[in-house]
């Protein structure tokens, strides 16, 4: 299937798949931590057979340092899912998904600070533009008094920003580990750590882990199969076949796709401020992504 699949077609499927994530989260009435836990758990379980059949030896090659890196990445990913899923309870889909996609900016900043990567003026300009867009999205509607979706948009946007920072931490901590082991073993290790952390947070929060109707279990599975397998896993596969700049820019389709799905399926109409601020953010992300790739 890998040899027969055109990379750009796979990329298009992946962008559509990740665009459904926020909608599936909104459809579920389970607590945010429960939704995040089962999404990661089911994604991990679906990938285990591939890891055991094709990459069984990869796990034995992990050093003590690799395990520390994997644990750090898994913790960062768990906080990303927990904060982003919760943000969707308080702000609009368009704002939440756009802000969480700004993780590209924090990857660039982290790579400069921690990995001594050179930051060009173009990269810096893209980061500044995107951050201005986030500021417009976060406080613009509050200043104008516009009616917005969500119970507490400013709080929800802040949670989405935390999710973006933690997503960047996951990318940065896993960079060296991903270079030494194949994709599936890598995500199995990191997802397993992530699931354990989310389970601990769920238990500490006192949320029920069972006694959900069949509809909820189907939504949990849908989050794993759609955004999990056909989304992020296929995106990671595509990185081996197309330029990283193409993948990065294609991800800008997720906020647009999610906003359109929210409009059609949830009746959620973004405000003018959200649309303008979101467009500014996407331009900034595109400039940053292309500058880093070049």
Protein backbone atom coordinates (compact mmCIF):
# COMPACT_ATOMS: atom_id res chain seq x y z
CA UNK A 1 0.00 0.00 0.00
CA UNK A 2 2.85 2.40 0.78
CA UNK A 3 4.40 1.94 -2.66
CA UNK A 4 1.04 2.31 -4.42
CA UNK A 5 -0.10 5.40 -2.51
CA UNK A 6 0.71 8.81 -4.04
CA UNK A 7 2.24 10.91 -1.21
CA UNK A 8 0.24 14.03 -2.07
CA UNK A 9 -3.01 12.02 -2.05
CA UNK A 10 -2.08 10.60 1.36
CA UNK A 11 -1.34 14.13 2.55
CA UNK A 12 -4.77 15.32 1.43
CA UNK A 13 -6.46 12.44 3.27
CA UNK A 14 -4.43 13.22 6.39
CA UNK A 15 -5.42 16.89 6.41
CA UNK A 16 -9.10 15.98 6.06
CA UNK A 17 -8.73 13.41 8.86
CA UNK A 18 -7.10 15.80 11.34
CA UNK A 19 -9.75 18.41 10.51
CA UNK A 20 -12.39 16.12 12.04
CA UNK A 21 -10.65 15.97 15.42
CA UNK A 22 -12.24 19.05 16.99
CA UNK A 23 -15.68 18.07 15.68
CA UNK A 24 -15.47 14.58 17.21
CA UNK A 25 -14.32 16.09 20.51
CA UNK A 26 -17.29 18.47 20.47
CA UNK A 27 -19.74 15.66 19.65
CA UNK A 28 -18.63 13.71 22.74
CA UNK A 29 -20.16 14.64 26.08
CA UNK A 30 -17.53 12.77 28.11
CA UNK A 31 -15.04 14.73 30.25
CA UNK A 32 -12.11 16.16 28.29
CA UNK A 33 -9.51 14.00 30.05
CA UNK A 34 -11.51 10.85 29.32
CA UNK A 35 -11.76 11.74 25.63
CA UNK A 36 -8.04 12.44 25.42
CA UNK A 37 -7.14 9.22 27.26
CA UNK A 38 -9.21 6.91 25.07
CA UNK A 39 -8.11 8.60 21.86
CA UNK A 40 -4.45 7.95 22.71
CA UNK A 41 -5.11 4.47 24.16
CA UNK A 42 -7.09 3.24 21.14
CA UNK A 43 -4.57 4.73 18.69
CA UNK A 44 -1.78 2.90 20.52
CA UNK A 45 -3.64 -0.41 20.54
CA UNK A 46 -4.38 -0.13 16.82
CA UNK A 47 -0.68 0.41 16.07
CA UNK A 48 0.70 -2.37 18.33
CA UNK A 49 0.24 -5.20 15.75
CA UNK A 50 2.24 -3.24 13.14
CA UNK A 51 5.01 -2.63 15.64
CA UNK A 52 5.22 -6.28 16.69
CA UNK A 53 5.17 -7.63 13.14
CA UNK A 54 7.53 -5.20 11.42
CA UNK A 55 9.61 -3.46 14.11
CA UNK A 56 9.92 -5.80 17.08
CA UNK A 57 13.71 -5.38 17.33
CA UNK A 58 13.52 -1.57 17.46
CA UNK A 59 12.40 -1.51 21.09
CA UNK A 60 15.52 -3.36 22.25
CA UNK A 61 17.75 -0.69 20.74
CA UNK A 62 16.41 2.05 23.02
CA UNK A 63 18.98 3.34 25.50
CA UNK A 64 18.31 4.76 28.96
CA UNK A 65 18.59 8.24 27.48
CA UNK A 66 16.06 7.31 24.78
CA UNK A 67 13.59 6.26 27.45
CA UNK A 68 14.01 9.59 29.25
CA UNK A 69 13.41 11.42 25.97
CA UNK A 70 10.33 9.28 25.27
CA UNK A 71 8.93 9.92 28.74
CA UNK A 72 9.45 13.68 28.36
CA UNK A 73 7.76 13.62 24.96
CA UNK A 74 4.87 11.54 26.25
CA UNK A 75 4.27 13.89 29.18
CA UNK A 76 4.33 16.91 26.86
CA UNK A 77 1.91 15.20 24.48
CA UNK A 78 -0.45 14.33 27.35
CA UNK A 79 -0.58 17.94 28.51
CA UNK A 80 -1.14 19.00 24.88
CA UNK A 81 -4.16 16.73 24.51
CA UNK A 82 -5.56 17.57 27.95
CA UNK A 83 -5.34 21.35 27.46
CA UNK A 84 -6.48 21.38 23.84
CA UNK A 85 -9.49 19.10 24.40
CA UNK A 86 -10.47 21.28 27.36
CA UNK A 87 -10.07 24.46 25.29
CA UNK A 88 -12.78 23.23 22.92
CA UNK A 89 -15.22 23.40 25.85
CA UNK A 90 -14.67 27.15 26.22
CA UNK A 91 -13.87 28.69 22.82
CA UNK A 92 -14.79 28.27 19.18
CA UNK A 93 -13.44 25.45 17.04
CA UNK A 94 -11.92 27.97 14.62
CA UNK A 95 -10.00 29.81 17.35
CA UNK A 96 -8.89 26.69 19.23
CA UNK A 97 -7.61 24.77 16.20
CA UNK A 98 -5.86 27.80 14.70
CA UNK A 99 -4.07 28.68 17.94
CA UNK A 100 -2.99 25.10 18.63
CA UNK A 101 -1.49 24.96 15.12
CA UNK A 102 0.87 27.76 16.18
CA UNK A 103 3.07 25.04 17.68
CA UNK A 104 5.28 25.62 14.62
CA UNK A 105 6.31 28.96 16.14
CA UNK A 106 7.30 27.39 19.44
CA UNK A 107 9.20 24.61 17.68
CA UNK A 108 11.22 27.31 15.90
CA UNK A 109 11.82 29.19 19.16
CA UNK A 110 12.73 26.02 21.05
CA UNK A 111 15.08 24.84 18.32
CA UNK A 112 16.88 28.19 18.47
CA UNK A 113 17.18 28.17 22.26
CA UNK A 114 17.83 24.48 22.93
CA UNK A 115 19.36 23.19 19.70
CA UNK A 116 21.24 26.33 18.63
CA UNK A 117 19.44 26.44 15.28
CA UNK A 118 19.88 29.67 13.37
CA UNK A 119 16.83 31.92 13.27
CA UNK A 120 16.55 33.98 10.09
CA UNK A 121 14.83 37.33 9.84
CA UNK A 122 12.13 35.70 7.74
CA UNK A 123 11.46 33.11 10.45
CA UNK A 124 11.33 35.81 13.10
CA UNK A 125 8.98 37.91 10.99
CA UNK A 126 6.63 34.96 10.51
CA UNK A 127 6.58 34.30 14.26
CA UNK A 128 5.79 37.94 15.05
CA UNK A 129 2.97 38.03 12.47
CA UNK A 130 1.41 34.82 13.83
CA UNK A 131 1.63 35.98 17.45
CA UNK A 132 -0.08 39.23 16.48
CA UNK A 133 -2.86 37.20 14.89
CA UNK A 134 -3.25 35.14 18.07
CA UNK A 135 -3.52 38.33 20.10
CA UNK A 136 -6.21 39.66 17.76
CA UNK A 137 -8.18 36.40 18.00
CA UNK A 138 -7.88 36.23 21.78
CA UNK A 139 -8.82 39.76 22.82
CA UNK A 140 -10.41 41.31 19.72
CA UNK A 141 -13.90 39.96 20.26
CA UNK A 142 -13.80 40.86 23.95
CA UNK A 143 -12.87 44.46 23.12
CA UNK A 144 -15.56 44.79 20.43
CA UNK A 145 -18.24 43.04 22.49
CA UNK A 146 -19.08 40.62 19.68
CA UNK A 147 -21.08 37.48 20.40
CA UNK A 148 -18.66 34.54 20.28
CA UNK A 149 -18.96 30.78 20.56
CA UNK A 150 -17.86 29.26 23.84
CA UNK A 151 -18.46 29.97 27.51
CA UNK A 152 -15.09 31.65 28.14
CA UNK A 153 -13.24 32.34 24.87
CA UNK A 154 -10.20 34.03 26.45
CA UNK A 155 -9.67 31.09 28.82
CA UNK A 156 -10.23 28.59 26.00
CA UNK A 157 -7.74 30.39 23.78
CA UNK A 158 -5.19 30.36 26.60
CA UNK A 159 -5.64 26.59 26.97
CA UNK A 160 -5.15 26.16 23.22
CA UNK A 161 -1.92 28.16 23.48
CA UNK A 162 -0.73 25.85 26.27
CA UNK A 163 -1.56 22.96 23.96
CA UNK A 164 0.55 24.53 21.21
CA UNK A 165 3.55 24.98 23.51
CA UNK A 166 3.32 21.39 24.76
CA UNK A 167 2.93 20.07 21.21
CA UNK A 168 6.16 21.87 20.33
CA UNK A 169 7.82 20.26 23.36
CA UNK A 170 6.71 16.86 22.11
CA UNK A 171 8.21 17.56 18.67
CA UNK A 172 11.51 18.87 20.05
CA UNK A 173 12.07 16.11 22.61
CA UNK A 174 11.28 13.42 20.09
CA UNK A 175 13.45 14.72 17.26
CA UNK A 176 16.59 12.77 18.16
CA UNK A 177 14.65 9.62 19.08
CA UNK A 178 12.72 9.68 15.80
CA UNK A 179 16.00 9.78 13.86
CA UNK A 180 17.12 6.45 15.34
CA UNK A 181 14.00 4.29 15.34
CA UNK A 182 11.13 3.87 12.82
CA UNK A 183 7.89 5.80 13.10
CA UNK A 184 5.59 3.13 14.53
CA UNK A 185 7.84 2.01 17.44
CA UNK A 186 8.49 5.67 18.21
CA UNK A 187 4.81 6.57 18.50
CA UNK A 188 4.03 3.35 20.41
CA UNK A 189 6.54 4.29 23.12
CA UNK A 190 5.51 7.95 23.31
CA UNK A 191 1.77 7.24 23.08
CA UNK A 192 2.04 4.64 25.84
CA UNK A 193 3.67 7.17 28.17
CA UNK A 194 1.06 9.74 27.13
CA UNK A 195 -1.79 7.31 27.87
CA UNK A 196 -0.40 6.51 31.33
CA UNK A 197 -0.12 10.22 32.19
CA UNK A 198 -3.65 10.91 30.93
CA UNK A 199 -4.96 7.94 32.91
CA UNK A 200 -3.35 9.33 36.06
CA UNK A 201 -4.84 12.78 35.44
CA UNK A 202 -8.26 11.26 34.78
CA UNK A 203 -8.21 9.23 37.99
CA UNK A 204 -6.96 12.22 39.98
CA UNK A 205 -9.79 14.33 38.53
CA UNK A 206 -12.33 11.72 39.63
CA UNK A 207 -13.80 11.26 36.16
CA UNK A 208 -15.48 7.95 35.35
CA UNK A 209 -13.58 5.65 33.00
CA UNK A 210 -16.53 3.40 32.14
CA UNK A 211 -20.34 3.50 32.04
CA UNK A 212 -20.49 5.49 28.82
CA UNK A 213 -23.11 4.77 26.12
CA UNK A 214 -22.15 3.06 22.86
CA UNK A 215 -22.18 6.40 21.04
CA UNK A 216 -19.34 7.67 23.23
CA UNK A 217 -17.21 4.57 22.63
CA UNK A 218 -17.71 4.98 18.89
CA UNK A 219 -16.59 8.59 19.15
CA UNK A 220 -13.48 7.57 21.13
CA UNK A 221 -12.67 5.00 18.45
CA UNK A 222 -13.37 7.55 15.71
CA UNK A 223 -10.87 9.96 17.26
CA UNK A 224 -8.24 7.21 17.20
CA UNK A 225 -8.92 5.95 13.67
CA UNK A 226 -9.53 9.30 11.98
CA UNK A 227 -7.27 12.02 13.43
CA UNK A 228 -4.97 9.45 15.07
CA UNK A 229 -4.22 6.86 12.38
CA UNK A 230 -5.31 8.45 9.11
CA UNK A 231 -4.32 11.91 10.32
CA UNK A 232 -1.10 12.30 12.30
CA UNK A 233 0.35 8.87 11.50
CA UNK A 234 -0.09 9.39 7.74
CA UNK A 235 1.36 12.89 8.06
CA UNK A 236 4.47 11.44 9.67
CA UNK A 237 4.69 8.87 6.86
CA UNK A 238 4.37 11.62 4.25
CA UNK A 239 7.41 13.39 5.69
CA UNK A 240 9.57 10.63 4.23
CA UNK A 241 8.20 11.22 0.72
CA UNK A 242 7.58 14.96 0.32
CA UNK A 243 9.38 18.08 1.48
CA UNK A 244 8.76 19.11 5.08
CA UNK A 245 7.72 22.58 3.90
CA UNK A 246 4.90 21.01 1.88
CA UNK A 247 3.68 19.05 4.92
CA UNK A 248 3.93 22.10 7.19
CA UNK A 249 1.99 24.34 4.83
CA UNK A 250 -0.59 21.63 4.16
CA UNK A 251 -1.34 21.54 7.89
CA UNK A 252 -2.71 25.05 7.52
CA UNK A 253 -5.70 23.31 5.95
CA UNK A 254 -6.68 21.87 9.35
CA UNK A 255 -8.00 25.13 10.89
CA UNK A 256 -9.84 25.93 7.67
CA UNK A 257 -11.32 22.43 7.40
CA UNK A 258 -12.28 22.35 11.08
CA UNK A 259 -13.92 25.78 10.88
CA UNK A 260 -15.95 24.75 7.81
CA UNK A 261 -17.03 21.49 9.48
CA UNK A 262 -17.98 23.40 12.64
CA UNK A 263 -20.06 25.78 10.52
CA UNK A 264 -21.90 22.96 8.73
CA UNK A 265 -22.19 20.38 11.52
CA UNK A 266 -22.30 22.52 14.67
CA UNK A 267 -23.80 25.74 13.31
CA UNK A 268 -20.82 27.63 14.72
CA UNK A 269 -20.28 30.88 12.83
CA UNK A 270 -16.88 32.48 13.49
CA UNK A 271 -16.84 36.21 14.13
CA UNK A 272 -15.15 38.64 11.77
CA UNK A 273 -12.35 39.16 14.32
CA UNK A 274 -11.75 35.40 14.51
CA UNK A 275 -11.60 35.10 10.72
CA UNK A 276 -9.22 38.06 10.33
CA UNK A 277 -7.02 37.03 13.25
CA UNK A 278 -6.99 33.42 12.08
CA UNK A 279 -5.92 34.46 8.59
CA UNK A 280 -3.05 36.48 10.06
CA UNK A 281 -1.98 33.49 12.18
CA UNK A 282 -2.01 31.16 9.18
CA UNK A 283 0.09 33.60 7.13
CA UNK A 284 2.61 33.82 9.96
CA UNK A 285 2.76 30.04 10.33
CA UNK A 286 3.23 29.60 6.57
CA UNK A 287 6.09 32.12 6.50
CA UNK A 288 7.75 30.50 9.53
CA UNK A 289 7.39 26.96 8.17
CA UNK A 290 8.80 27.78 4.75
CA UNK A 291 11.64 29.81 6.21
CA UNK A 292 12.68 26.96 8.52
CA UNK A 293 12.42 24.39 5.73
CA UNK A 294 14.61 26.44 3.40
